Amino acid sequence: MKIIFTETAARDLKNLPPDVRRHVIGALQRSKINPWRYVRRIVGTEWYRLRAGDYRIIVKIESNTIYVLRIAHRKKVYKGV
């Protein structure tokens, strides 16, 4: 699978502390192999969430591509979803 970051997600990733950034990238690499094992659907949307410690990665999965929409702390990521 291919991973594509939106501008917002790329900015979110850049602003994370280095240790959290490594954890998020590791979670994305794991989900690249078999995303359905690691993601859960966000109720009422077509998006999925992926856990990376206290951070959540909001993704949209289409055919052979994972679109990363947002990366934020679990307390803040769902506001506006």
C-alpha atoms as a PDB file:
ATOM      1  CA  MET A   1       0.000   0.000   0.000  1.00  0.00           C
ATOM      2  CA  LYS A   2       1.008   3.557  -0.612  1.00  0.00           C
ATOM      3  CA  ILE A   3       0.816   6.289   2.069  1.00  0.00           C
ATOM      4  CA  ILE A   4      -0.041   9.862   1.062  1.00  0.00           C
ATOM      5  CA  PHE A   5      -0.033  12.765   3.529  1.00  0.00           C
ATOM      6  CA  THR A   6      -2.324  15.769   3.185  1.00  0.00           C
ATOM      7  CA  GLU A   7      -0.755  19.185   3.812  1.00  0.00           C
ATOM      8  CA  THR A   8      -2.389  19.325   7.240  1.00  0.00           C
ATOM      9  CA  ALA A   9      -1.099  15.883   8.207  1.00  0.00           C
ATOM     10  CA  ALA A  10       2.409  16.706   6.996  1.00  0.00           C
ATOM     11  CA  ARG A  11       2.373  19.871   9.112  1.00  0.00           C
ATOM     12  CA  ASP A  12       1.060  17.905  12.103  1.00  0.00           C
ATOM     13  CA  LEU A  13       3.849  15.339  11.725  1.00  0.00           C
ATOM     14  CA  LYS A  14       6.516  18.030  11.409  1.00  0.00           C
ATOM     15  CA  ASN A  15       5.342  19.726  14.631  1.00  0.00           C
ATOM     16  CA  LEU A  16       5.450  16.548  16.748  1.00  0.00           C
ATOM     17  CA  PRO A  17       8.332  15.877  19.152  1.00  0.00           C
ATOM     18  CA  PRO A  18      10.977  13.581  17.582  1.00  0.00           C
ATOM     19  CA  ASP A  19      10.182  10.532  19.741  1.00  0.00           C
ATOM     20  CA  VAL A  20       6.444  10.785  19.016  1.00  0.00           C
ATOM     21  CA  ARG A  21       7.175  11.313  15.310  1.00  0.00           C
ATOM     22  CA  ARG A  22       9.141   8.036  15.209  1.00  0.00           C
ATOM     23  CA  HIS A  23       6.274   6.248  16.959  1.00  0.00           C
ATOM     24  CA  VAL A  24       3.721   7.621  14.454  1.00  0.00           C
ATOM     25  CA  ILE A  25       5.865   6.684  11.459  1.00  0.00           C
ATOM     26  CA  GLY A  26       6.318   3.174  12.894  1.00  0.00           C
ATOM     27  CA  ALA A  27       2.554   2.779  13.286  1.00  0.00           C
ATOM     28  CA  LEU A  28       2.023   3.891   9.688  1.00  0.00           C
ATOM     29  CA  GLN A  29       4.657   1.451   8.421  1.00  0.00           C
ATOM     30  CA  ARG A  30       2.976  -1.417  10.297  1.00  0.00           C
ATOM     31  CA  SER A  31      -0.421  -0.517   8.905  1.00  0.00           C
ATOM     32  CA  LYS A  32       0.999  -0.375   5.384  1.00  0.00           C
ATOM     33  CA  ILE A  33       1.248  -4.174   5.307  1.00  0.00           C
ATOM     34  CA  ASN A  34      -2.270  -4.976   6.556  1.00  0.00           C
ATOM     35  CA  PRO A  35      -4.233  -1.825   7.494  1.00  0.00           C
ATOM     36  CA  TRP A  36      -7.425  -3.651   8.476  1.00  0.00           C
ATOM     37  CA  ARG A  37      -5.641  -5.214  11.421  1.00  0.00           C
ATOM     38  CA  TYR A  38      -4.755  -1.852  12.984  1.00  0.00           C
ATOM     39  CA  VAL A  39      -7.510   0.616  12.063  1.00  0.00           C
ATOM     40  CA  ARG A  40     -10.991   1.177  13.457  1.00  0.00           C
ATOM     41  CA  ARG A  41     -13.785   3.066  11.743  1.00  0.00           C
ATOM     42  CA  ILE A  42     -14.820   6.439  13.166  1.00  0.00           C
ATOM     43  CA  VAL A  43     -18.577   6.207  13.688  1.00  0.00           C
ATOM     44  CA  GLY A  44     -20.606   8.322  11.271  1.00  0.00           C
ATOM     45  CA  THR A  45     -17.745   8.959   8.831  1.00  0.00           C
ATOM     46  CA  GLU A  46     -15.836   7.178   6.094  1.00  0.00           C
ATOM     47  CA  TRP A  47     -12.564   7.690   7.987  1.00  0.00           C
ATOM     48  CA  TYR A  48     -10.552   5.389  10.198  1.00  0.00           C
ATOM     49  CA  ARG A  49      -8.346   5.931  13.231  1.00  0.00           C
ATOM     50  CA  LEU A  50      -4.969   4.414  13.906  1.00  0.00           C
ATOM     51  CA  ARG A  51      -3.449   4.440  17.400  1.00  0.00           C
ATOM     52  CA  ALA A  52       0.117   5.518  18.072  1.00  0.00           C
ATOM     53  CA  GLY A  53       0.398   5.720  21.859  1.00  0.00           C
ATOM     54  CA  ASP A  54      -1.510   8.806  23.035  1.00  0.00           C
ATOM     55  CA  TYR A  55      -1.729  10.098  19.468  1.00  0.00           C
ATOM     56  CA  ARG A  56      -4.288   9.225  16.821  1.00  0.00           C
ATOM     57  CA  ILE A  57      -3.841   9.182  13.067  1.00  0.00           C
ATOM     58  CA  ILE A  58      -6.988   9.835  11.037  1.00  0.00           C
ATOM     59  CA  VAL A  59      -6.816   8.048   7.676  1.00  0.00           C
ATOM     60  CA  LYS A  60      -8.970   7.342   4.661  1.00  0.00           C
ATOM     61  CA  ILE A  61      -8.361   4.075   2.832  1.00  0.00           C
ATOM     62  CA  GLU A  62      -9.124   3.788  -0.878  1.00  0.00           C
ATOM     63  CA  SER A  63      -8.151   0.785  -3.016  1.00  0.00           C
ATOM     64  CA  ASN A  64      -4.367   0.539  -2.559  1.00  0.00           C
ATOM     65  CA  THR A  65      -3.704   3.897  -0.874  1.00  0.00           C
ATOM     66  CA  ILE A  66      -3.799   5.186   2.699  1.00  0.00           C
ATOM     67  CA  TYR A  67      -4.481   8.929   2.887  1.00  0.00           C
ATOM     68  CA  VAL A  68      -3.285  10.434   6.173  1.00  0.00           C
ATOM     69  CA  LEU A  69      -5.668  13.293   6.993  1.00  0.00           C
ATOM     70  CA  ARG A  70      -4.741  14.358  10.520  1.00  0.00           C
ATOM     71  CA  ILE A  71      -2.312  13.501  13.342  1.00  0.00           C
ATOM     72  CA  ALA A  72      -2.912  14.859  16.849  1.00  0.00           C
ATOM     73  CA  HIS A  73      -3.173  13.984  20.520  1.00  0.00           C
ATOM     74  CA  ARG A  74      -6.193  11.845  21.321  1.00  0.00           C
ATOM     75  CA  LYS A  75      -7.858  14.677  23.264  1.00  0.00           C
ATOM     76  CA  LYS A  76      -7.751  17.058  20.298  1.00  0.00           C
ATOM     77  CA  VAL A  77      -7.928  14.951  17.146  1.00  0.00           C
ATOM     78  CA  TYR A  78     -11.675  14.322  17.082  1.00  0.00           C
ATOM     79  CA  LYS A  79     -12.741  17.972  17.349  1.00  0.00           C
ATOM     80  CA  GLY A  80     -14.212  18.971  14.020  1.00  0.00           C
ATOM     81  CA  VAL A  81     -14.598  15.405  12.741  1.00  0.00           C
END
